[in-house]
Amino acid sequence: MIHAVGPVWHGGSHDEDRLLASAYATSPAVAEERGLSSIAFPSISTGIYGFPIERAARIAIETVAGRLAVGSTVNEAIFVLFSDADLAVFSQAADRWTAAR
């Protein structure tokens, strides 16, 4: 297990986006150091910490997919989500990221 702590949402004016991206970016780096080939993530900070899920999903997908796209020992990233609604939001973010490439 690789532990990553995300930011508490304070309205978006306290560097929350950068902090969340950092939480997602650090875990693949740690996985690479350990030679792991897959990694799983929850939707970091979108529960009790209140980060808006649409914004968090975009950051998560851009950060993790972007990191893996440049080459990594990690060849699979899985997002383990709380609900079908969360899955739909993450799927849309993934589709937008893919379409932009």
C-alpha atoms as a PDB file:
ATOM      1  CA  MET A   1       0.000   0.000   0.000  1.00  0.00           C
ATOM      2  CA  ILE A   2       1.185   3.464  -0.900  1.00  0.00           C
ATOM      3  CA  HIS A   3      -0.467   6.130   1.209  1.00  0.00           C
ATOM      4  CA  ALA A   4      -1.293   9.523  -0.272  1.00  0.00           C
ATOM      5  CA  VAL A   5      -3.054  12.293   1.596  1.00  0.00           C
ATOM      6  CA  GLY A   6      -5.050  14.763  -0.435  1.00  0.00           C
ATOM      7  CA  PRO A   7      -6.021  18.310   0.449  1.00  0.00           C
ATOM      8  CA  VAL A   8      -9.117  19.513   2.229  1.00  0.00           C
ATOM      9  CA  TRP A   9     -11.216  21.671  -0.099  1.00  0.00           C
ATOM     10  CA  HIS A  10     -11.292  25.328   0.971  1.00  0.00           C
ATOM     11  CA  GLY A  11     -13.012  26.752  -2.093  1.00  0.00           C
ATOM     12  CA  GLY A  12     -10.108  26.352  -4.486  1.00  0.00           C
ATOM     13  CA  SER A  13      -8.044  29.297  -3.321  1.00  0.00           C
ATOM     14  CA  HIS A  14      -5.584  27.394  -1.121  1.00  0.00           C
ATOM     15  CA  ASP A  15      -3.546  25.577  -3.796  1.00  0.00           C
ATOM     16  CA  GLU A  16      -5.836  22.551  -3.614  1.00  0.00           C
ATOM     17  CA  ASP A  17      -5.426  21.600  -7.290  1.00  0.00           C
ATOM     18  CA  ARG A  18      -1.631  21.458  -7.052  1.00  0.00           C
ATOM     19  CA  LEU A  19      -1.767  19.543  -3.769  1.00  0.00           C
ATOM     20  CA  LEU A  20      -4.164  16.974  -5.204  1.00  0.00           C
ATOM     21  CA  ALA A  21      -2.044  16.559  -8.341  1.00  0.00           C
ATOM     22  CA  SER A  22       0.983  16.037  -6.114  1.00  0.00           C
ATOM     23  CA  ALA A  23      -0.799  13.276  -4.188  1.00  0.00           C
ATOM     24  CA  TYR A  24      -1.604  11.488  -7.455  1.00  0.00           C
ATOM     25  CA  ALA A  25       1.877  12.046  -8.929  1.00  0.00           C
ATOM     26  CA  THR A  26       3.801  10.778  -5.918  1.00  0.00           C
ATOM     27  CA  SER A  27       2.183   7.338  -5.810  1.00  0.00           C
ATOM     28  CA  PRO A  28       3.250   6.184  -9.312  1.00  0.00           C
ATOM     29  CA  ALA A  29       6.775   7.389  -8.547  1.00  0.00           C
ATOM     30  CA  VAL A  30       6.842   5.274  -5.382  1.00  0.00           C
ATOM     31  CA  ALA A  31       5.383   2.313  -7.298  1.00  0.00           C
ATOM     32  CA  GLU A  32       8.106   2.676  -9.942  1.00  0.00           C
ATOM     33  CA  GLU A  33      10.810   2.680  -7.248  1.00  0.00           C
ATOM     34  CA  ARG A  34       9.416  -0.646  -6.060  1.00  0.00           C
ATOM     35  CA  GLY A  35       9.141  -2.074  -9.591  1.00  0.00           C
ATOM     36  CA  LEU A  36       5.366  -2.448  -9.392  1.00  0.00           C
ATOM     37  CA  SER A  37       3.358  -2.897 -12.568  1.00  0.00           C
ATOM     38  CA  SER A  38      -0.063  -1.778 -11.355  1.00  0.00           C
ATOM     39  CA  ILE A  39      -1.510   0.723  -8.932  1.00  0.00           C
ATOM     40  CA  ALA A  40      -5.009   1.478  -7.642  1.00  0.00           C
ATOM     41  CA  PHE A  41      -6.403   4.782  -6.413  1.00  0.00           C
ATOM     42  CA  PRO A  42      -9.529   5.946  -4.642  1.00  0.00           C
ATOM     43  CA  SER A  43     -11.016   9.291  -5.536  1.00  0.00           C
ATOM     44  CA  ILE A  44      -8.656  11.194  -3.252  1.00  0.00           C
ATOM     45  CA  SER A  45     -10.158  14.086  -1.232  1.00  0.00           C
ATOM     46  CA  THR A  46     -13.681  13.851  -2.717  1.00  0.00           C
ATOM     47  CA  GLY A  47     -15.308  12.383   0.375  1.00  0.00           C
ATOM     48  CA  ILE A  48     -15.127  14.073   3.749  1.00  0.00           C
ATOM     49  CA  TYR A  49     -12.481  16.521   2.438  1.00  0.00           C
ATOM     50  CA  GLY A  50     -15.087  17.974   0.059  1.00  0.00           C
ATOM     51  CA  PHE A  51     -13.040  18.326  -3.148  1.00  0.00           C
ATOM     52  CA  PRO A  52     -15.503  18.663  -6.078  1.00  0.00           C
ATOM     53  CA  ILE A  53     -15.456  15.324  -7.880  1.00  0.00           C
ATOM     54  CA  GLU A  54     -15.510  16.695 -11.438  1.00  0.00           C
ATOM     55  CA  ARG A  55     -12.454  18.801 -10.733  1.00  0.00           C
ATOM     56  CA  ALA A  56     -10.729  15.995  -8.817  1.00  0.00           C
ATOM     57  CA  ALA A  57     -11.399  13.460 -11.587  1.00  0.00           C
ATOM     58  CA  ARG A  58      -9.825  15.737 -14.203  1.00  0.00           C
ATOM     59  CA  ILE A  59      -6.750  16.232 -12.022  1.00  0.00           C
ATOM     60  CA  ALA A  60      -6.498  12.518 -11.216  1.00  0.00           C
ATOM     61  CA  ILE A  61      -6.783  11.370 -14.828  1.00  0.00           C
ATOM     62  CA  GLU A  62      -4.462  14.055 -16.228  1.00  0.00           C
ATOM     63  CA  THR A  63      -1.831  13.412 -13.570  1.00  0.00           C
ATOM     64  CA  VAL A  64      -1.847   9.616 -13.541  1.00  0.00           C
ATOM     65  CA  ALA A  65      -2.416   9.034 -17.265  1.00  0.00           C
ATOM     66  CA  GLY A  66       0.102  11.732 -18.133  1.00  0.00           C
ATOM     67  CA  ARG A  67       2.703  10.109 -15.901  1.00  0.00           C
ATOM     68  CA  LEU A  68       2.142   6.639 -17.336  1.00  0.00           C
ATOM     69  CA  ALA A  69       2.104   7.940 -20.919  1.00  0.00           C
ATOM     70  CA  VAL A  70       5.744   9.036 -20.708  1.00  0.00           C
ATOM     71  CA  GLY A  71       6.936   5.569 -19.744  1.00  0.00           C
ATOM     72  CA  SER A  72       6.778   3.756 -16.455  1.00  0.00           C
ATOM     73  CA  THR A  73       7.116   0.341 -14.880  1.00  0.00           C
ATOM     74  CA  VAL A  74       3.486   0.878 -13.952  1.00  0.00           C
ATOM     75  CA  ASN A  75       1.384  -0.241 -16.913  1.00  0.00           C
ATOM     76  CA  GLU A  76      -2.026  -0.282 -15.238  1.00  0.00           C
ATOM     77  CA  ALA A  77      -3.761   2.303 -13.079  1.00  0.00           C
ATOM     78  CA  ILE A  78      -7.131   1.453 -11.579  1.00  0.00           C
ATOM     79  CA  PHE A  79      -9.518   3.913  -9.984  1.00  0.00           C
ATOM     80  CA  VAL A  80     -11.629   2.250  -7.290  1.00  0.00           C
ATOM     81  CA  LEU A  81     -14.664   4.453  -6.870  1.00  0.00           C
ATOM     82  CA  PHE A  82     -17.492   4.710  -4.366  1.00  0.00           C
ATOM     83  CA  SER A  83     -20.476   4.792  -6.696  1.00  0.00           C
ATOM     84  CA  ASP A  84     -21.676   4.468 -10.264  1.00  0.00           C
ATOM     85  CA  ALA A  85     -22.037   8.266 -10.319  1.00  0.00           C
ATOM     86  CA  ASP A  86     -18.353   8.654  -9.399  1.00  0.00           C
ATOM     87  CA  LEU A  87     -17.426   6.121 -12.080  1.00  0.00           C
ATOM     88  CA  ALA A  88     -19.354   8.141 -14.665  1.00  0.00           C
ATOM     89  CA  VAL A  89     -17.476  11.325 -13.715  1.00  0.00           C
ATOM     90  CA  PHE A  90     -14.085   9.594 -13.917  1.00  0.00           C
ATOM     91  CA  SER A  91     -15.034   7.921 -17.211  1.00  0.00           C
ATOM     92  CA  GLN A  92     -15.922  11.301 -18.707  1.00  0.00           C
ATOM     93  CA  ALA A  93     -12.616  12.765 -17.508  1.00  0.00           C
ATOM     94  CA  ALA A  94     -10.760   9.825 -19.057  1.00  0.00           C
ATOM     95  CA  ASP A  95     -12.633  10.238 -22.329  1.00  0.00           C
ATOM     96  CA  ARG A  96     -11.779  13.963 -22.430  1.00  0.00           C
ATOM     97  CA  TRP A  97      -8.097  13.226 -21.695  1.00  0.00           C
ATOM     98  CA  THR A  98      -7.986  10.591 -24.439  1.00  0.00           C
ATOM     99  CA  ALA A  99      -9.728  12.847 -26.968  1.00  0.00           C
ATOM    100  CA  ALA A 100      -7.239  15.630 -26.265  1.00  0.00           C
ATOM    101  CA  ARG A 101      -4.323  13.374 -27.210  1.00  0.00           C
END
